[in-house]
Amino acid sequence: MTRSGYKRGWSHTKSRGREGTITCGFCGKRVPKYKTFPVIKGFSLNDPVLRRELGPRARRGLMLSTNKIYACPACARHRNIVKKKR
């Protein structure tokens, strides 16, 4: 899931005071939340034999676990989550 380009003009939150920081899920760097890119990681079953055993609910593809992690701008560019606008 690659987003098209991104601009460097970050928009801050409208709340007053200190902005919250989030730890990057890939490198562990502390980054302000408005600079991060959310990534949803999951595990799904694609084996047709297991799908038949689980029943009709698993026909579309069963997502067993999903978790939302945040990527800093450097990791997002390195892992092709976003592309630098040219």
PDB file of N, CA and C in Angstrom:
ATOM      1  N   MET A   1       0.844  -1.162   0.000  1.00  0.00           N
ATOM      2  CA  MET A   1       0.000   0.000   0.000  1.00  0.00           C
ATOM      3  C   MET A   1       0.894   1.230   0.000  1.00  0.00           C
ATOM      4  N   THR A   2       1.247   1.693  -1.158  1.00  0.00           N
ATOM      5  CA  THR A   2       2.106   2.854  -1.283  1.00  0.00           C
ATOM      6  C   THR A   2       1.247   4.085  -1.529  1.00  0.00           C
ATOM      7  N   ARG A   3       1.428   5.070  -0.684  1.00  0.00           N
ATOM      8  CA  ARG A   3       0.734   6.329  -0.921  1.00  0.00           C
ATOM      9  C   ARG A   3       1.488   7.082  -1.997  1.00  0.00           C
ATOM     10  N   SER A   4       0.785   7.994  -2.676  1.00  0.00           N
ATOM     11  CA  SER A   4       1.486   8.765  -3.706  1.00  0.00           C
ATOM     12  C   SER A   4       2.507   9.670  -3.025  1.00  0.00           C
ATOM     13  N   GLY A   5       2.686  10.860  -3.412  1.00  0.00           N
ATOM     14  CA  GLY A   5       3.699  11.715  -2.819  1.00  0.00           C
ATOM     15  C   GLY A   5       3.253  12.332  -1.510  1.00  0.00           C
ATOM     16  N   TYR A   6       4.174  12.858  -0.763  1.00  0.00           N
ATOM     17  CA  TYR A   6       3.838  13.592   0.443  1.00  0.00           C
ATOM     18  C   TYR A   6       4.595  14.898   0.430  1.00  0.00           C
ATOM     19  N   LYS A   7       4.016  15.912   1.066  1.00  0.00           N
ATOM     20  CA  LYS A   7       4.654  17.215   1.131  1.00  0.00           C
ATOM     21  C   LYS A   7       5.320  17.372   2.486  1.00  0.00           C
ATOM     22  N   ARG A   8       6.342  18.201   2.558  1.00  0.00           N
ATOM     23  CA  ARG A   8       7.045  18.440   3.802  1.00  0.00           C
ATOM     24  C   ARG A   8       6.255  19.340   4.741  1.00  0.00           C
ATOM     25  N   GLY A   9       5.209  19.989   4.276  1.00  0.00           N
ATOM     26  CA  GLY A   9       4.436  20.906   5.113  1.00  0.00           C
ATOM     27  C   GLY A   9       3.587  20.142   6.108  1.00  0.00           C
ATOM     28  N   TRP A  10       4.149  19.810   7.265  1.00  0.00           N
ATOM     29  CA  TRP A  10       3.430  19.045   8.270  1.00  0.00           C
ATOM     30  C   TRP A  10       2.394  19.937   8.933  1.00  0.00           C
ATOM     31  N   SER A  11       1.245  19.383   9.230  1.00  0.00           N
ATOM     32  CA  SER A  11       0.220  20.161   9.924  1.00  0.00           C
ATOM     33  C   SER A  11       0.189  19.723  11.381  1.00  0.00           C
ATOM     34  N   HIS A  12       0.316  20.681  12.274  1.00  0.00           N
ATOM     35  CA  HIS A  12       0.323  20.391  13.702  1.00  0.00           C
ATOM     36  C   HIS A  12      -1.100  20.196  14.194  1.00  0.00           C
ATOM     37  N   THR A  13      -1.207  19.644  15.388  1.00  0.00           N
ATOM     38  CA  THR A  13      -2.529  19.478  15.984  1.00  0.00           C
ATOM     39  C   THR A  13      -3.035  20.830  16.449  1.00  0.00           C
ATOM     40  N   LYS A  14      -4.345  20.927  16.611  1.00  0.00           N
ATOM     41  CA  LYS A  14      -4.931  22.197  17.009  1.00  0.00           C
ATOM     42  C   LYS A  14      -4.967  22.372  18.523  1.00  0.00           C
ATOM     43  N   SER A  15      -4.607  21.323  19.251  1.00  0.00           N
ATOM     44  CA  SER A  15      -4.644  21.428  20.708  1.00  0.00           C
ATOM     45  C   SER A  15      -3.471  22.268  21.203  1.00  0.00           C
ATOM     46  N   ARG A  16      -3.673  22.871  22.332  1.00  0.00           N
ATOM     47  CA  ARG A  16      -2.601  23.670  22.911  1.00  0.00           C
ATOM     48  C   ARG A  16      -1.702  22.790  23.740  1.00  0.00           C
ATOM     49  N   GLY A  17      -0.521  23.281  23.984  1.00  0.00           N
ATOM     50  CA  GLY A  17       0.407  22.548  24.826  1.00  0.00           C
ATOM     51  C   GLY A  17       1.300  21.631  24.023  1.00  0.00           C
ATOM     52  N   ARG A  18       1.908  20.695  24.712  1.00  0.00           N
ATOM     53  CA  ARG A  18       2.869  19.808  24.083  1.00  0.00           C
ATOM     54  C   ARG A  18       2.163  18.741  23.262  1.00  0.00           C
ATOM     55  N   GLU A  19       2.674  18.480  22.079  1.00  0.00           N
ATOM     56  CA  GLU A  19       2.085  17.462  21.221  1.00  0.00           C
ATOM     57  C   GLU A  19       2.614  16.093  21.615  1.00  0.00           C
ATOM     58  N   GLY A  20       1.772  15.098  21.466  1.00  0.00           N
ATOM     59  CA  GLY A  20       2.156  13.757  21.871  1.00  0.00           C
ATOM     60  C   GLY A  20       3.194  13.158  20.937  1.00  0.00           C
ATOM     61  N   THR A  21       4.059  12.330  21.510  1.00  0.00           N
ATOM     62  CA  THR A  21       5.064  11.644  20.701  1.00  0.00           C
ATOM     63  C   THR A  21       4.743  10.158  20.669  1.00  0.00           C
ATOM     64  N   ILE A  22       5.137   9.526  19.580  1.00  0.00           N
ATOM     65  CA  ILE A  22       4.880   8.106  19.354  1.00  0.00           C
ATOM     66  C   ILE A  22       6.202   7.450  18.993  1.00  0.00           C
ATOM     67  N   THR A  23       6.367   6.214  19.408  1.00  0.00           N
ATOM     68  CA  THR A  23       7.561   5.461  19.067  1.00  0.00           C
ATOM     69  C   THR A  23       7.350   4.793  17.712  1.00  0.00           C
ATOM     70  N   CYS A  24       8.316   4.943  16.815  1.00  0.00           N
ATOM     71  CA  CYS A  24       8.257   4.310  15.502  1.00  0.00           C
ATOM     72  C   CYS A  24       8.284   2.793  15.693  1.00  0.00           C
ATOM     73  N   GLY A  25       7.422   2.082  14.992  1.00  0.00           N
ATOM     74  CA  GLY A  25       7.334   0.639  15.136  1.00  0.00           C
ATOM     75  C   GLY A  25       8.474  -0.112  14.482  1.00  0.00           C
ATOM     76  N   PHE A  26       9.266   0.560  13.653  1.00  0.00           N
ATOM     77  CA  PHE A  26      10.342  -0.106  12.935  1.00  0.00           C
ATOM     78  C   PHE A  26      11.711   0.187  13.542  1.00  0.00           C
ATOM     79  N   CYS A  27      11.996   1.461  13.851  1.00  0.00           N
ATOM     80  CA  CYS A  27      13.337   1.805  14.347  1.00  0.00           C
ATOM     81  C   CYS A  27      13.348   2.213  15.813  1.00  0.00           C
ATOM     82  N   GLY A  28      12.182   2.517  16.396  1.00  0.00           N
ATOM     83  CA  GLY A  28      12.132   2.883  17.805  1.00  0.00           C
ATOM     84  C   GLY A  28      12.378   4.353  18.089  1.00  0.00           C
ATOM     85  N   LYS A  29      12.452   5.179  17.069  1.00  0.00           N
ATOM     86  CA  LYS A  29      12.679   6.608  17.252  1.00  0.00           C
ATOM     87  C   LYS A  29      11.414   7.274  17.782  1.00  0.00           C
ATOM     88  N   ARG A  30      11.559   8.255  18.682  1.00  0.00           N
ATOM     89  CA  ARG A  30      10.417   9.013  19.201  1.00  0.00           C
ATOM     90  C   ARG A  30      10.128  10.166  18.253  1.00  0.00           C
ATOM     91  N   VAL A  31       8.914  10.197  17.701  1.00  0.00           N
ATOM     92  CA  VAL A  31       8.534  11.165  16.676  1.00  0.00           C
ATOM     93  C   VAL A  31       7.202  11.782  17.080  1.00  0.00           C
ATOM     94  N   PRO A  32       6.971  13.092  16.830  1.00  0.00           N
ATOM     95  CA  PRO A  32       5.644  13.665  17.065  1.00  0.00           C
ATOM     96  C   PRO A  32       4.593  12.959  16.208  1.00  0.00           C
ATOM     97  N   LYS A  33       3.390  12.820  16.760  1.00  0.00           N
ATOM     98  CA  LYS A  33       2.356  12.012  16.094  1.00  0.00           C
ATOM     99  C   LYS A  33       1.987  12.568  14.721  1.00  0.00           C
ATOM    100  N   TYR A  34       2.008  13.877  14.545  1.00  0.00           N
ATOM    101  CA  TYR A  34       1.592  14.439  13.268  1.00  0.00           C
ATOM    102  C   TYR A  34       2.572  14.132  12.143  1.00  0.00           C
ATOM    103  N   LYS A  35       3.784  13.688  12.475  1.00  0.00           N
ATOM    104  CA  LYS A  35       4.761  13.356  11.442  1.00  0.00           C
ATOM    105  C   LYS A  35       4.737  11.879  11.057  1.00  0.00           C
ATOM    106  N   THR A  36       4.024  11.051  11.783  1.00  0.00           N
ATOM    107  CA  THR A  36       4.072   9.616  11.543  1.00  0.00           C
ATOM    108  C   THR A  36       3.072   9.183  10.481  1.00  0.00           C
ATOM    109  N   PHE A  37       3.304   8.002   9.930  1.00  0.00           N
ATOM    110  CA  PHE A  37       2.420   7.396   8.940  1.00  0.00           C
ATOM    111  C   PHE A  37       1.867   6.097   9.528  1.00  0.00           C
ATOM    112  N   PRO A  38       0.541   5.973   9.691  1.00  0.00           N
ATOM    113  CA  PRO A  38      -0.013   4.745  10.266  1.00  0.00           C
ATOM    114  C   PRO A  38       0.061   3.582   9.273  1.00  0.00           C
ATOM    115  N   VAL A  39       0.440   2.417   9.777  1.00  0.00           N
ATOM    116  CA  VAL A  39       0.545   1.201   8.969  1.00  0.00           C
ATOM    117  C   VAL A  39      -0.222   0.110   9.700  1.00  0.00           C
ATOM    118  N   ILE A  40      -1.085  -0.604   8.990  1.00  0.00           N
ATOM    119  CA  ILE A  40      -1.832  -1.702   9.595  1.00  0.00           C
ATOM    120  C   ILE A  40      -1.215  -3.003   9.138  1.00  0.00           C
ATOM    121  N   LYS A  41      -0.694  -3.750  10.093  1.00  0.00           N
ATOM    122  CA  LYS A  41      -0.085  -5.047   9.819  1.00  0.00           C
ATOM    123  C   LYS A  41      -1.062  -6.122  10.250  1.00  0.00           C
ATOM    124  N   GLY A  42      -1.139  -7.195   9.472  1.00  0.00           N
ATOM    125  CA  GLY A  42      -2.056  -8.259   9.823  1.00  0.00           C
ATOM    126  C   GLY A  42      -1.569  -9.606   9.339  1.00  0.00           C
ATOM    127  N   PHE A  43      -2.280 -10.625   9.761  1.00  0.00           N
ATOM    128  CA  PHE A  43      -1.984 -11.994   9.386  1.00  0.00           C
ATOM    129  C   PHE A  43      -3.280 -12.602   8.873  1.00  0.00           C
ATOM    130  N   SER A  44      -3.271 -13.141   7.665  1.00  0.00           N
ATOM    131  CA  SER A  44      -4.487 -13.713   7.101  1.00  0.00           C
ATOM    132  C   SER A  44      -4.225 -15.126   6.595  1.00  0.00           C
ATOM    133  N   LEU A  45      -5.283 -15.906   6.545  1.00  0.00           N
ATOM    134  CA  LEU A  45      -5.203 -17.277   6.036  1.00  0.00           C
ATOM    135  C   LEU A  45      -5.555 -17.278   4.557  1.00  0.00           C
ATOM    136  N   ASN A  46      -4.684 -17.802   3.746  1.00  0.00           N
ATOM    137  CA  ASN A  46      -4.940 -17.886   2.314  1.00  0.00           C
ATOM    138  C   ASN A  46      -4.995 -19.330   1.828  1.00  0.00           C
ATOM    139  N   ASP A  47      -4.809 -20.293   2.722  1.00  0.00           N
ATOM    140  CA  ASP A  47      -4.810 -21.704   2.356  1.00  0.00           C
ATOM    141  C   ASP A  47      -6.252 -22.180   2.101  1.00  0.00           C
ATOM    142  N   PRO A  48      -6.575 -22.690   0.913  1.00  0.00           N
ATOM    143  CA  PRO A  48      -7.955 -23.075   0.607  1.00  0.00           C
ATOM    144  C   PRO A  48      -8.471 -24.237   1.450  1.00  0.00           C
ATOM    145  N   VAL A  49      -7.601 -25.136   1.868  1.00  0.00           N
ATOM    146  CA  VAL A  49      -8.045 -26.269   2.681  1.00  0.00           C
ATOM    147  C   VAL A  49      -8.506 -25.785   4.060  1.00  0.00           C
ATOM    148  N   LEU A  50      -7.745 -24.889   4.657  1.00  0.00           N
ATOM    149  CA  LEU A  50      -8.139 -24.344   5.958  1.00  0.00           C
ATOM    150  C   LEU A  50      -9.404 -23.504   5.854  1.00  0.00           C
ATOM    151  N   ARG A  51      -9.565 -22.796   4.762  1.00  0.00           N
ATOM    152  CA  ARG A  51     -10.777 -21.991   4.572  1.00  0.00           C
ATOM    153  C   ARG A  51     -12.020 -22.865   4.535  1.00  0.00           C
ATOM    154  N   ARG A  52     -11.948 -24.011   3.832  1.00  0.00           N
ATOM    155  CA  ARG A  52     -13.097 -24.913   3.760  1.00  0.00           C
ATOM    156  C   ARG A  52     -13.435 -25.489   5.130  1.00  0.00           C
ATOM    157  N   GLU A  53     -12.415 -25.790   5.922  1.00  0.00           N
ATOM    158  CA  GLU A  53     -12.655 -26.343   7.252  1.00  0.00           C
ATOM    159  C   GLU A  53     -13.281 -25.315   8.193  1.00  0.00           C
ATOM    160  N   LEU A  54     -12.907 -24.052   8.050  1.00  0.00           N
ATOM    161  CA  LEU A  54     -13.426 -23.024   8.946  1.00  0.00           C
ATOM    162  C   LEU A  54     -14.852 -22.606   8.609  1.00  0.00           C
ATOM    163  N   GLY A  55     -15.293 -22.839   7.402  1.00  0.00           N
ATOM    164  CA  GLY A  55     -16.680 -22.559   7.058  1.00  0.00           C
ATOM    165  C   GLY A  55     -16.846 -21.347   6.158  1.00  0.00           C
ATOM    166  N   PRO A  56     -18.109 -20.899   6.003  1.00  0.00           N
ATOM    167  CA  PRO A  56     -18.409 -19.821   5.039  1.00  0.00           C
ATOM    168  C   PRO A  56     -17.880 -18.452   5.439  1.00  0.00           C
ATOM    169  N   ARG A  57     -17.604 -18.237   6.734  1.00  0.00           N
ATOM    170  CA  ARG A  57     -17.079 -16.931   7.147  1.00  0.00           C
ATOM    171  C   ARG A  57     -15.693 -16.673   6.590  1.00  0.00           C
ATOM    172  N   ALA A  58     -14.933 -17.721   6.354  1.00  0.00           N
ATOM    173  CA  ALA A  58     -13.541 -17.575   5.934  1.00  0.00           C
ATOM    174  C   ALA A  58     -13.398 -17.530   4.417  1.00  0.00           C
ATOM    175  N   ARG A  59     -14.469 -17.481   3.674  1.00  0.00           N
ATOM    176  CA  ARG A  59     -14.393 -17.468   2.203  1.00  0.00           C
ATOM    177  C   ARG A  59     -13.701 -16.209   1.680  1.00  0.00           C
ATOM    178  N   ARG A  60     -13.956 -15.087   2.329  1.00  0.00           N
ATOM    179  CA  ARG A  60     -13.370 -13.826   1.859  1.00  0.00           C
ATOM    180  C   ARG A  60     -11.916 -13.684   2.251  1.00  0.00           C
ATOM    181  N   GLY A  61     -11.469 -14.416   3.196  1.00  0.00           N
ATOM    182  CA  GLY A  61     -10.110 -14.270   3.724  1.00  0.00           C
ATOM    183  C   GLY A  61     -10.203 -13.866   5.169  1.00  0.00           C
ATOM    184  N   LEU A  62      -9.683 -14.664   6.027  1.00  0.00           N
ATOM    185  CA  LEU A  62      -9.839 -14.453   7.452  1.00  0.00           C
ATOM    186  C   LEU A  62      -8.639 -13.693   7.999  1.00  0.00           C
ATOM    187  N   MET A  63      -8.894 -12.507   8.551  1.00  0.00           N
ATOM    188  CA  MET A  63      -7.837 -11.745   9.203  1.00  0.00           C
ATOM    189  C   MET A  63      -7.806 -12.162  10.662  1.00  0.00           C
ATOM    190  N   LEU A  64      -6.747 -12.817  11.060  1.00  0.00           N
ATOM    191  CA  LEU A  64      -6.681 -13.328  12.426  1.00  0.00           C
ATOM    192  C   LEU A  64      -6.256 -12.258  13.413  1.00  0.00           C
ATOM    193  N   SER A  65      -5.251 -11.500  13.098  1.00  0.00           N
ATOM    194  CA  SER A  65      -4.814 -10.461  14.020  1.00  0.00           C
ATOM    195  C   SER A  65      -4.351  -9.256  13.215  1.00  0.00           C
ATOM    196  N   THR A  66      -4.756  -8.088  13.660  1.00  0.00           N
ATOM    197  CA  THR A  66      -4.292  -6.853  13.044  1.00  0.00           C
ATOM    198  C   THR A  66      -3.819  -5.923  14.147  1.00  0.00           C
ATOM    199  N   ASN A  67      -2.785  -5.183  13.865  1.00  0.00           N
ATOM    200  CA  ASN A  67      -2.346  -4.153  14.797  1.00  0.00           C
ATOM    201  C   ASN A  67      -1.845  -2.957  14.004  1.00  0.00           C
ATOM    202  N   LYS A  68      -2.073  -1.797  14.581  1.00  0.00           N
ATOM    203  CA  LYS A  68      -1.727  -0.538  13.934  1.00  0.00           C
ATOM    204  C   LYS A  68      -0.415  -0.046  14.519  1.00  0.00           C
ATOM    205  N   ILE A  69       0.571   0.143  13.661  1.00  0.00           N
ATOM    206  CA  ILE A  69       1.841   0.698  14.109  1.00  0.00           C
ATOM    207  C   ILE A  69       2.094   1.978  13.328  1.00  0.00           C
ATOM    208  N   TYR A  70       2.966   2.793  13.858  1.00  0.00           N
ATOM    209  CA  TYR A  70       3.280   4.069  13.223  1.00  0.00           C
ATOM    210  C   TYR A  70       4.722   4.041  12.747  1.00  0.00           C
ATOM    211  N   ALA A  71       4.952   4.625  11.568  1.00  0.00           N
ATOM    212  CA  ALA A  71       6.294   4.675  10.987  1.00  0.00           C
ATOM    213  C   ALA A  71       6.762   6.123  10.914  1.00  0.00           C
ATOM    214  N   CYS A  72       8.018   6.351  11.282  1.00  0.00           N
ATOM    215  CA  CYS A  72       8.592   7.690  11.156  1.00  0.00           C
ATOM    216  C   CYS A  72       8.829   7.974   9.666  1.00  0.00           C
ATOM    217  N   PRO A  73       9.043   9.224   9.266  1.00  0.00           N
ATOM    218  CA  PRO A  73       9.230   9.532   7.848  1.00  0.00           C
ATOM    219  C   PRO A  73      10.381   8.783   7.194  1.00  0.00           C
ATOM    220  N   ALA A  74      11.474   8.582   7.917  1.00  0.00           N
ATOM    221  CA  ALA A  74      12.622   7.876   7.336  1.00  0.00           C
ATOM    222  C   ALA A  74      12.288   6.412   7.058  1.00  0.00           C
ATOM    223  N   CYS A  75      11.647   5.747   8.002  1.00  0.00           N
ATOM    224  CA  CYS A  75      11.272   4.338   7.809  1.00  0.00           C
ATOM    225  C   CYS A  75      10.178   4.205   6.758  1.00  0.00           C
ATOM    226  N   ALA A  76       9.268   5.180   6.696  1.00  0.00           N
ATOM    227  CA  ALA A  76       8.199   5.121   5.699  1.00  0.00           C
ATOM    228  C   ALA A  76       8.772   5.220   4.290  1.00  0.00           C
ATOM    229  N   ARG A  77       9.793   6.036   4.098  1.00  0.00           N
ATOM    230  CA  ARG A  77      10.430   6.127   2.783  1.00  0.00           C
ATOM    231  C   ARG A  77      11.242   4.874   2.489  1.00  0.00           C
ATOM    232  N   HIS A  78      11.930   4.355   3.501  1.00  0.00           N
ATOM    233  CA  HIS A  78      12.781   3.182   3.296  1.00  0.00           C
ATOM    234  C   HIS A  78      11.963   1.936   2.968  1.00  0.00           C
ATOM    235  N   ARG A  79      10.807   1.798   3.588  1.00  0.00           N
ATOM    236  CA  ARG A  79       9.969   0.616   3.393  1.00  0.00           C
ATOM    237  C   ARG A  79       8.887   0.824   2.342  1.00  0.00           C
ATOM    238  N   ASN A  80       8.971   1.896   1.570  1.00  0.00           N
ATOM    239  CA  ASN A  80       8.041   2.210   0.470  1.00  0.00           C
ATOM    240  C   ASN A  80       6.591   2.316   0.930  1.00  0.00           C
ATOM    241  N   ILE A  81       6.370   2.840   2.135  1.00  0.00           N
ATOM    242  CA  ILE A  81       5.018   3.137   2.589  1.00  0.00           C
ATOM    243  C   ILE A  81       4.552   4.416   1.904  1.00  0.00           C
ATOM    244  N   VAL A  82       5.441   5.376   1.775  1.00  0.00           N
ATOM    245  CA  VAL A  82       5.174   6.596   1.017  1.00  0.00           C
ATOM    246  C   VAL A  82       6.328   6.813   0.054  1.00  0.00           C
ATOM    247  N   LYS A  83       6.060   7.573  -0.993  1.00  0.00           N
ATOM    248  CA  LYS A  83       7.111   7.935  -1.932  1.00  0.00           C
ATOM    249  C   LYS A  83       7.346   9.427  -1.853  1.00  0.00           C
ATOM    250  N   LYS A  84       8.583   9.837  -1.973  1.00  0.00           N
ATOM    251  CA  LYS A  84       8.914  11.245  -1.953  1.00  0.00           C
ATOM    252  C   LYS A  84       8.375  11.894  -3.214  1.00  0.00           C
ATOM    253  N   LYS A  85       7.720  13.051  -3.037  1.00  0.00           N
ATOM    254  CA  LYS A  85       7.129  13.744  -4.175  1.00  0.00           C
ATOM    255  C   LYS A  85       8.230  14.366  -5.014  1.00  0.00           C
ATOM    256  N   ARG A  86       8.152  14.184  -6.323  1.00  0.00           N
ATOM    257  CA  ARG A  86       9.178  14.731  -7.204  1.00  0.00           C
ATOM    258  C   ARG A  86       8.595  15.722  -8.155  1.00  0.00           C
TER     259      ARG A  86
END
